Protein backbone atom coordinates (compact mmCIF):
# COMPACT_ATOMS: atom_id res chain seq x y z
CA ILE A 1 -2.07 -13.78 84.42
CA ARG A 2 -1.10 -11.95 81.27
CA ARG A 3 0.55 -13.86 78.42
CA ASP A 4 3.01 -12.61 75.80
CA GLU A 5 2.99 -13.48 72.09
CA ARG A 6 4.67 -16.85 72.79
CA GLY A 7 2.07 -17.76 75.39
CA SER A 8 4.45 -17.36 78.33
CA ALA A 9 3.18 -15.87 81.56
CA VAL A 10 4.24 -12.26 82.05
CA GLY A 11 4.62 -10.67 85.46
CA ALA A 12 4.52 -13.91 87.41
CA GLY A 13 7.38 -16.04 88.67
CA PRO A 14 7.84 -19.59 87.44
CA SER A 15 5.74 -22.32 88.94
CA GLU A 16 7.46 -24.91 91.11
CA ALA A 17 7.36 -27.40 88.23
CA GLU A 18 8.82 -24.83 85.81
CA ALA A 19 11.58 -23.94 88.26
CA GLY A 20 12.41 -27.63 88.78
CA ALA A 21 12.47 -28.21 85.04
CA ALA A 22 14.74 -25.18 84.58
CA LEU A 23 17.22 -26.47 87.19
CA SER A 24 17.12 -29.95 85.71
CA GLY A 25 17.72 -28.43 82.29
CA LEU A 26 20.61 -26.38 83.62
CA ILE A 27 22.31 -29.40 85.18
CA GLY A 28 21.64 -31.55 82.11
CA ARG A 29 22.89 -28.87 79.72
CA SER A 30 25.90 -28.17 81.92
CA PHE A 31 26.82 -31.84 82.05
CA ASP A 32 26.24 -32.48 78.32
CA GLU A 33 27.71 -29.27 76.91
CA GLY A 34 29.93 -28.09 79.73
CA HIS A 35 29.52 -24.71 81.34
CA ALA A 36 31.88 -21.96 80.38
CA PRO A 37 33.54 -20.80 83.61
CA GLY A 38 31.84 -17.41 83.22
CA ALA A 39 28.32 -18.80 82.71
CA LEU A 40 27.51 -18.15 86.37
CA SER A 41 29.29 -15.89 88.82
CA PRO A 42 31.87 -17.46 91.14
CA ILE A 43 29.61 -16.62 94.08
CA ALA A 44 26.72 -18.50 92.41
CA TYR A 45 28.96 -21.56 91.99
CA ALA A 46 30.14 -21.19 95.61
CA PHE A 47 26.53 -20.91 96.80
CA LEU A 48 25.75 -24.24 95.16
CA GLY A 49 29.10 -25.74 96.15
CA ASP A 50 28.46 -24.96 99.82
CA ALA A 51 25.30 -27.08 99.73
CA VAL A 52 26.96 -29.90 97.79
CA TRP A 53 29.96 -29.92 100.18
CA GLU A 54 27.66 -30.15 103.18
CA LEU A 55 25.70 -32.97 101.54
CA TYR A 56 28.93 -34.93 101.01
CA ALA A 57 29.98 -34.25 104.62
CA ARG A 58 26.62 -35.35 106.01
CA THR A 59 26.47 -38.45 103.82
CA LYS A 60 29.98 -39.46 104.87
CA GLU A 61 29.01 -39.32 108.55
CA LEU A 62 25.83 -41.43 108.29
CA LEU A 63 27.59 -44.62 109.30
CA PRO A 64 27.81 -45.82 111.95
CA ALA A 65 24.27 -44.90 112.87
CA ALA A 66 24.06 -42.24 115.57
CA ARG A 67 21.82 -39.60 117.07
CA VAL A 68 21.28 -36.41 115.06
CA VAL A 69 23.28 -34.35 117.56
CA ASP A 70 26.24 -36.69 117.00
CA TYR A 71 25.87 -36.41 113.21
CA ARG A 72 25.98 -32.62 113.55
CA LYS A 73 29.10 -32.68 115.73
CA ARG A 74 30.91 -35.01 113.31
CA THR A 75 29.86 -32.97 110.29
CA GLU A 76 30.56 -29.53 111.74
CA ALA A 77 34.34 -29.69 111.41
CA ALA A 78 34.18 -30.75 107.76
CA VAL A 79 32.03 -27.81 106.71
CA MET A 80 34.06 -25.11 108.46
CA ALA A 81 36.13 -22.73 106.35
CA GLU A 82 39.37 -23.84 108.02
CA HIS A 83 38.87 -27.44 106.87
CA GLN A 84 37.81 -26.38 103.39
CA ALA A 85 40.91 -24.19 103.04
CA ARG A 86 43.14 -27.13 104.05
CA CYS A 87 41.35 -29.31 101.48
CA LEU A 88 41.99 -26.74 98.75
CA ASP A 89 45.66 -26.59 99.77
CA ALA A 90 45.84 -30.39 99.53
CA LEU A 91 44.30 -30.35 96.05
CA THR A 92 46.60 -27.65 94.73
CA GLU A 93 49.77 -28.95 96.40
CA GLY A 94 48.96 -32.50 95.33
CA ALA A 95 48.63 -31.39 91.69
CA ALA A 96 45.18 -32.96 91.61
CA LEU A 97 43.56 -30.11 89.65
CA THR A 98 43.49 -29.43 85.92
CA ALA A 99 44.31 -26.02 84.44
CA ARG A 100 40.60 -25.29 83.98
CA GLU A 101 39.86 -26.27 87.59
CA LEU A 102 42.69 -24.03 88.80
CA ASP A 103 41.12 -21.17 86.83
CA ILE A 104 37.78 -21.80 88.57
CA VAL A 105 39.59 -21.82 91.92
CA ARG A 106 41.32 -18.53 91.07
CA ARG A 107 38.01 -16.92 90.14
CA GLY A 108 36.40 -18.15 93.35
CA ARG A 109 39.28 -16.97 95.53
CA ASN A 110 39.26 -13.50 93.93
CA SER A 111 35.49 -13.05 94.12
CA HIS A 112 33.95 -10.66 96.59
CA THR A 113 32.08 -12.65 99.21
CA PRO A 114 29.01 -10.85 100.52
CA SER A 115 29.50 -11.96 104.12
CA VAL A 116 32.36 -13.29 106.18
CA PRO A 117 31.71 -14.95 109.55
CA LYS A 118 32.54 -12.68 112.49
CA ARG A 119 35.15 -15.09 113.81
CA LEU A 120 37.09 -14.65 110.56
CA ARG A 121 36.98 -10.87 110.19
CA ALA A 122 39.79 -10.05 112.61
CA SER A 123 42.89 -10.81 110.59
CA ARG A 124 44.17 -10.77 107.05
CA GLU A 125 45.15 -14.45 107.35
CA ALA A 126 41.62 -15.42 108.37
CA LYS A 127 40.16 -13.52 105.40
CA ALA A 128 42.62 -15.27 103.06
CA MET A 129 41.62 -18.61 104.54
CA TYR A 130 37.93 -17.78 103.99
CA ALA A 131 38.72 -16.84 100.38
CA LYS A 132 40.28 -20.30 99.92
CA ALA A 133 37.16 -21.93 101.34
CA THR A 134 35.02 -19.91 98.92
CA ALA A 135 37.31 -20.97 96.08
CA LEU A 136 36.85 -24.63 96.99
CA GLU A 137 33.06 -24.21 97.17
CA CYS A 138 33.17 -22.49 93.78
CA LEU A 139 35.01 -25.47 92.30
CA VAL A 140 32.60 -27.94 93.92
CA GLY A 141 29.56 -26.05 92.57
CA TYR A 142 31.09 -25.82 89.11
CA LEU A 143 31.95 -29.52 88.97
CA TYR A 144 28.54 -30.48 90.34
CA LEU A 145 26.98 -28.84 87.30
CA THR A 146 29.54 -29.78 84.67
CA ASP A 147 31.29 -33.00 85.65
CA PRO A 148 29.78 -34.94 88.57
CA ARG A 149 32.14 -37.87 87.93
CA ARG A 150 35.17 -35.60 88.37
CA LEU A 151 33.60 -34.09 91.49
CA GLY A 152 33.27 -37.60 92.90
CA GLU A 153 36.94 -38.31 92.15
CA LEU A 154 38.10 -35.18 93.95
CA MET A 155 35.81 -35.76 96.93
CA ASP A 156 37.13 -39.31 97.17
CA TRP A 157 40.72 -38.01 96.94
CA LEU A 158 39.94 -35.66 99.85
CA GLY A 159 38.32 -38.43 101.89
CA MET A 160 34.92 -36.74 101.70
CA ALA A 161 33.14 -39.50 99.81
CA THR A 162 31.66 -42.64 101.25
CA ASN A 163 31.57 -45.94 99.46
CA GLN A 164 29.32 -47.53 102.03
CA ILE A 165 25.78 -48.46 101.12
CA VAL A 166 23.14 -48.16 103.79
CA LYS A 167 21.12 -51.35 104.01
CA VAL A 168 17.51 -50.87 105.00
CA LYS A 169 15.53 -53.61 106.67
CA GLU A 170 12.46 -54.54 104.71
CA GLU A 171 10.49 -55.64 107.73
CA GLU A 172 7.34 -53.74 108.62
CA ASP A 173 8.51 -52.89 112.14
CA ALA A 174 12.05 -51.78 111.11
CA TRP A 175 11.21 -48.07 111.20
CA PRO A 176 9.76 -47.94 114.71
CA GLU A 177 12.81 -49.84 116.05
CA ALA A 178 15.17 -47.41 114.34
CA VAL A 179 13.27 -44.44 115.76
CA GLU A 180 13.33 -45.88 119.28
CA ALA A 181 17.05 -46.63 119.04
CA ALA A 182 17.82 -43.02 118.06
């Protein structure tokens, strides 16, 4: 590996530890200093927001305990574009968003999405609905990086948060019983 004058590796990608530190630094800096809305592209925020939204949806459906196939069925509706578009409508109609958040939503809605699911390509209304879903994911990704507390408030307002705490048995044989029950 070649090194430049600062001692940094040249021509090689970051190690896993360096990449993790960079992401941690990005989230920490974003939270402490606040990201300017243009710091990342709306699609980058939406990419992150998609994962965060799904994590909230999956976490919400953990209780009551069920089989994985049942978790998937219960989560599927919450992560579909139709549901996300309705959630964005609820946030905007309910005046739950700040001016800055509305600007993030506008940027996300107007961004060019690289791919649209086949089931949503047929009509103008379906494309508009998908743009709303992208806008919501953009907002979620932005708030995840800049204001996790505010993200939690909005997710709670939408009914996407769970306040339940999963209690784990501390007995040695608790895991095998849980596996057999699933």
